[in-house]
Amino acid sequence: MSAALLEAVGAGFSYEADRPILQGWSASFAAGEMVALTGPSGRGKSTLLYLLGLMLRPQEGHILVEGEPASILPDARRSRLRAKRFGFVFQDAALDATRSVLENVTETALYRGEDPRRARGRAQALLDRFGVQVRATARPGQVSGGQAQRIALCRALLHEPRILLADEPTGNLDVDSTRVVFDALRDHADTGAAVIIVTHDPALASACDRSIRL
């Protein structure tokens, strides 16, 4: 197996001191693999994704990115690391209603200091690839749930992240949109990225390279 791109080492986290969500949790995620995180609702899958994505700090243990401790970094450095190395697909798409479809896809490029014109070109190519049949100037309120999730996927893939985290990315989609999203995630893993998916869907989990049940 390829070297780990992302690792949790003895990670622990709780919102309430007497009710830990995770305790001493360890796992590694290699380049080129697609891993499902499964388990009952309330078990902490989304929280774990936020820890792996450096959006939360573990209260014990560490998160390593390509072997380097990342969870202990100052907020600004973690933000830069997220912008450069990570892509995120959230369950509700999390699009900005005040921005156009194209702007939603390209907004993360601003944090990386990329050339806006080049980012717009790549964004339009991704929208075309995933069959987003809406005007680039349309607002998120004018698109369907399936289209919104495809737009969110384009945003996550814009900079070809080494690590892609997806929280129930197909939970509210029809069969056709589910297949488009899954195939895109699979293709991205095949480029050498680590793709980690939180899902309740047994079929989706079984199509991944392996599953980790919480």
Protein backbone atom coordinates (compact mmCIF):
# COMPACT_ATOMS: atom_id res chain seq x y z
CA MET A 1 0.00 0.00 0.00
CA SER A 2 1.16 3.56 -0.64
CA ALA A 3 2.45 5.78 2.14
CA ALA A 4 -0.18 7.37 4.37
CA LEU A 5 -1.29 10.84 3.34
CA LEU A 6 -3.42 11.28 6.45
CA GLU A 7 -3.28 9.66 9.90
CA ALA A 8 -5.07 9.90 13.21
CA VAL A 9 -2.96 8.77 16.16
CA GLY A 10 -4.78 8.23 19.46
CA ALA A 11 -7.27 11.01 18.66
CA GLY A 12 -9.87 11.92 21.24
CA PHE A 13 -12.61 14.54 21.28
CA SER A 14 -15.71 15.44 23.28
CA TYR A 15 -18.17 18.32 23.35
CA GLU A 16 -19.03 17.46 26.96
CA ALA A 17 -16.34 16.32 29.38
CA ASP A 18 -18.25 13.24 30.56
CA ARG A 19 -19.43 12.19 27.09
CA PRO A 20 -16.46 11.51 24.79
CA ILE A 21 -17.24 11.10 21.12
CA LEU A 22 -13.86 9.61 20.24
CA GLN A 23 -11.21 8.10 22.50
CA GLY A 24 -7.78 6.90 21.40
CA TRP A 25 -8.89 6.57 17.78
CA SER A 26 -6.20 5.72 15.23
CA ALA A 27 -6.29 5.05 11.50
CA SER A 28 -4.28 5.82 8.39
CA PHE A 29 -5.40 6.68 4.87
CA ALA A 30 -3.12 5.95 1.95
CA ALA A 31 -2.64 7.57 -1.41
CA GLY A 32 -4.91 6.05 -4.02
CA GLU A 33 -7.52 4.55 -1.71
CA MET A 34 -11.16 5.29 -1.06
CA VAL A 35 -12.30 4.62 2.51
CA ALA A 36 -15.84 4.65 3.94
CA LEU A 37 -16.51 5.73 7.53
CA THR A 38 -19.71 4.05 8.69
CA GLY A 39 -21.73 3.58 11.85
CA PRO A 40 -25.00 4.64 13.48
CA SER A 41 -26.14 8.26 13.64
CA GLY A 42 -24.65 10.16 16.55
CA ARG A 43 -21.53 8.03 16.70
CA GLY A 44 -19.27 10.93 15.71
CA LYS A 45 -18.59 10.32 12.03
CA SER A 46 -18.99 13.96 11.00
CA THR A 47 -16.97 15.13 13.99
CA LEU A 48 -14.22 12.73 12.99
CA LEU A 49 -14.26 14.15 9.46
CA TYR A 50 -13.83 17.67 10.89
CA LEU A 51 -10.89 16.44 12.98
CA LEU A 52 -9.28 14.76 9.97
CA GLY A 53 -9.87 17.92 7.95
CA LEU A 54 -8.20 20.13 10.59
CA MET A 55 -11.41 22.06 11.22
CA LEU A 56 -11.42 20.81 14.82
CA ARG A 57 -8.44 20.08 17.04
CA PRO A 58 -8.29 16.72 18.82
CA GLN A 59 -8.23 17.11 22.60
CA GLU A 60 -5.84 14.20 22.76
CA GLY A 61 -3.64 12.57 20.14
CA HIS A 62 -2.65 14.00 16.77
CA ILE A 63 -3.63 14.31 13.13
CA LEU A 64 -0.71 13.86 10.75
CA VAL A 65 -0.65 15.08 7.15
CA GLU A 66 1.98 13.26 5.10
CA GLY A 67 3.71 12.29 8.33
CA GLU A 68 3.84 15.78 9.83
CA PRO A 69 1.82 16.77 12.93
CA ALA A 70 -0.80 19.18 11.59
CA SER A 71 -3.42 19.45 14.33
CA ILE A 72 -0.99 21.34 16.60
CA LEU A 73 -0.32 24.07 14.04
CA PRO A 74 -1.63 27.62 14.63
CA ASP A 75 -5.01 28.39 13.08
CA ALA A 76 -3.58 30.38 10.16
CA ARG A 77 -1.22 27.59 9.14
CA ARG A 78 -3.95 24.97 9.43
CA SER A 79 -6.17 27.12 7.21
CA ARG A 80 -3.45 27.37 4.56
CA LEU A 81 -2.86 23.62 4.75
CA ARG A 82 -6.59 22.94 4.31
CA ALA A 83 -6.77 25.28 1.32
CA LYS A 84 -3.82 23.63 -0.44
CA ARG A 85 -4.08 19.94 0.45
CA PHE A 86 -7.75 19.26 1.24
CA GLY A 87 -11.03 19.22 -0.62
CA PHE A 88 -14.39 19.03 1.16
CA VAL A 89 -17.83 17.88 0.02
CA PHE A 90 -20.55 18.48 2.62
CA GLN A 91 -23.91 16.75 2.85
CA ASP A 92 -25.92 19.90 2.18
CA ALA A 93 -23.51 21.17 -0.52
CA ALA A 94 -22.90 24.32 1.60
CA LEU A 95 -23.08 26.71 -1.35
CA ASP A 96 -23.08 30.47 -0.79
CA ALA A 97 -26.48 31.75 -1.87
CA THR A 98 -25.06 35.23 -2.54
CA ARG A 99 -22.58 33.97 -5.14
CA SER A 100 -23.08 32.58 -8.62
CA VAL A 101 -22.53 28.92 -9.45
CA LEU A 102 -19.14 29.74 -11.00
CA GLU A 103 -18.11 31.88 -8.03
CA ASN A 104 -19.03 29.07 -5.64
CA VAL A 105 -16.70 26.73 -7.49
CA THR A 106 -13.81 29.18 -7.67
CA GLU A 107 -14.04 30.79 -4.22
CA THR A 108 -11.43 28.50 -2.63
CA ALA A 109 -8.92 29.54 -5.31
CA LEU A 110 -8.82 32.97 -3.67
CA TYR A 111 -7.35 31.46 -0.50
CA ARG A 112 -4.59 29.82 -2.52
CA GLY A 113 -3.69 32.97 -4.40
CA GLU A 114 -4.44 31.41 -7.79
CA ASP A 115 -4.96 33.31 -10.99
CA PRO A 116 -8.73 33.98 -11.18
CA ARG A 117 -8.95 33.56 -14.96
CA ARG A 118 -7.25 30.16 -14.86
CA ALA A 119 -9.46 29.08 -11.94
CA ARG A 120 -12.59 30.07 -13.87
CA GLY A 121 -11.46 28.03 -16.85
CA ARG A 122 -10.89 24.93 -14.75
CA ALA A 123 -14.19 25.47 -12.94
CA GLN A 124 -16.15 25.65 -16.19
CA ALA A 125 -14.44 22.49 -17.45
CA LEU A 126 -15.48 20.66 -14.27
CA LEU A 127 -19.06 21.93 -14.51
CA ASP A 128 -19.19 20.65 -18.08
CA ARG A 129 -17.63 17.32 -17.10
CA PHE A 130 -20.24 16.67 -14.43
CA GLY A 131 -23.18 17.79 -16.51
CA VAL A 132 -24.19 20.85 -14.51
CA GLN A 133 -26.79 22.10 -16.94
CA VAL A 134 -27.30 25.57 -15.48
CA ARG A 135 -25.93 28.98 -16.35
CA ALA A 136 -22.64 29.75 -14.59
CA THR A 137 -24.25 33.01 -13.46
CA ALA A 138 -27.19 31.24 -11.81
CA ARG A 139 -27.53 31.31 -8.02
CA PRO A 140 -27.65 28.17 -5.83
CA GLY A 141 -31.34 28.80 -5.13
CA GLN A 142 -32.05 28.23 -8.82
CA VAL A 143 -30.57 24.71 -9.02
CA SER A 144 -31.77 21.28 -7.92
CA GLY A 145 -30.29 19.32 -5.02
CA GLY A 146 -28.48 17.00 -7.39
CA GLN A 147 -27.03 19.91 -9.35
CA ALA A 148 -25.99 21.65 -6.11
CA GLN A 149 -24.06 18.58 -4.98
CA ARG A 150 -22.32 18.35 -8.35
CA ILE A 151 -21.36 22.02 -8.00
CA ALA A 152 -19.97 21.30 -4.53
CA LEU A 153 -17.98 18.42 -6.01
CA CYS A 154 -16.52 20.74 -8.67
CA ARG A 155 -15.47 23.15 -5.91
CA ALA A 156 -13.77 20.34 -3.98
CA LEU A 157 -11.91 19.05 -7.04
CA LEU A 158 -10.87 22.43 -8.46
CA HIS A 159 -7.30 22.28 -7.14
CA GLU A 160 -6.94 18.48 -7.36
CA PRO A 161 -6.52 18.02 -3.59
CA ARG A 162 -4.32 15.27 -2.20
CA ILE A 163 -6.95 14.53 0.46
CA LEU A 164 -10.69 14.67 -0.21
CA LEU A 165 -13.23 14.38 2.61
CA ALA A 166 -16.93 13.87 1.85
CA ASP A 167 -19.75 13.87 4.41
CA GLU A 168 -22.76 11.90 3.11
CA PRO A 169 -22.13 13.21 -0.41
CA THR A 170 -24.92 11.10 -1.95
CA GLY A 171 -27.38 11.14 0.94
CA ASN A 172 -30.04 13.25 -0.80
CA LEU A 173 -29.37 12.37 -4.43
CA ASP A 174 -31.17 10.36 -7.08
CA VAL A 175 -29.57 7.29 -8.63
CA ASP A 176 -28.03 9.12 -11.60
CA SER A 177 -26.51 11.91 -9.48
CA THR A 178 -25.24 9.34 -6.97
CA ARG A 179 -23.40 7.51 -9.73
CA VAL A 180 -21.86 10.75 -11.07
CA VAL A 181 -20.62 11.74 -7.61
CA PHE A 182 -19.29 8.30 -6.73
CA ASP A 183 -17.49 7.87 -10.05
CA ALA A 184 -15.85 11.27 -9.63
CA LEU A 185 -14.64 10.38 -6.15
CA ARG A 186 -13.36 7.03 -7.41
CA ASP A 187 -11.56 8.69 -10.32
CA HIS A 188 -9.95 11.17 -7.94
CA ALA A 189 -8.66 8.39 -5.68
CA ASP A 190 -7.21 6.72 -8.76
CA THR A 191 -5.06 9.81 -9.37
CA GLY A 192 -3.25 9.10 -6.08
CA ALA A 193 -5.42 11.02 -3.63
CA ALA A 194 -6.85 9.72 -0.37
CA VAL A 195 -10.66 9.90 -0.44
CA ILE A 196 -12.59 9.46 2.81
CA ILE A 197 -16.39 9.25 2.78
CA VAL A 198 -18.86 9.30 5.66
CA THR A 199 -21.89 7.30 4.54
CA HIS A 200 -24.91 5.35 5.75
CA ASP A 201 -25.33 3.74 2.32
CA PRO A 202 -24.18 0.07 2.42
CA ALA A 203 -23.82 -0.05 -1.36
CA LEU A 204 -21.58 3.00 -1.39
CA ALA A 205 -19.50 1.67 1.50
CA SER A 206 -19.06 -1.71 -0.18
CA ALA A 207 -17.84 -0.01 -3.36
CA CYS A 208 -15.00 1.64 -1.45
CA ASP A 209 -11.64 -0.07 -1.00
CA ARG A 210 -12.35 -0.58 2.69
CA SER A 211 -14.68 0.52 5.46
CA ILE A 212 -14.05 1.66 9.03
CA ARG A 213 -17.02 1.33 11.35
CA LEU A 214 -17.33 3.66 14.29
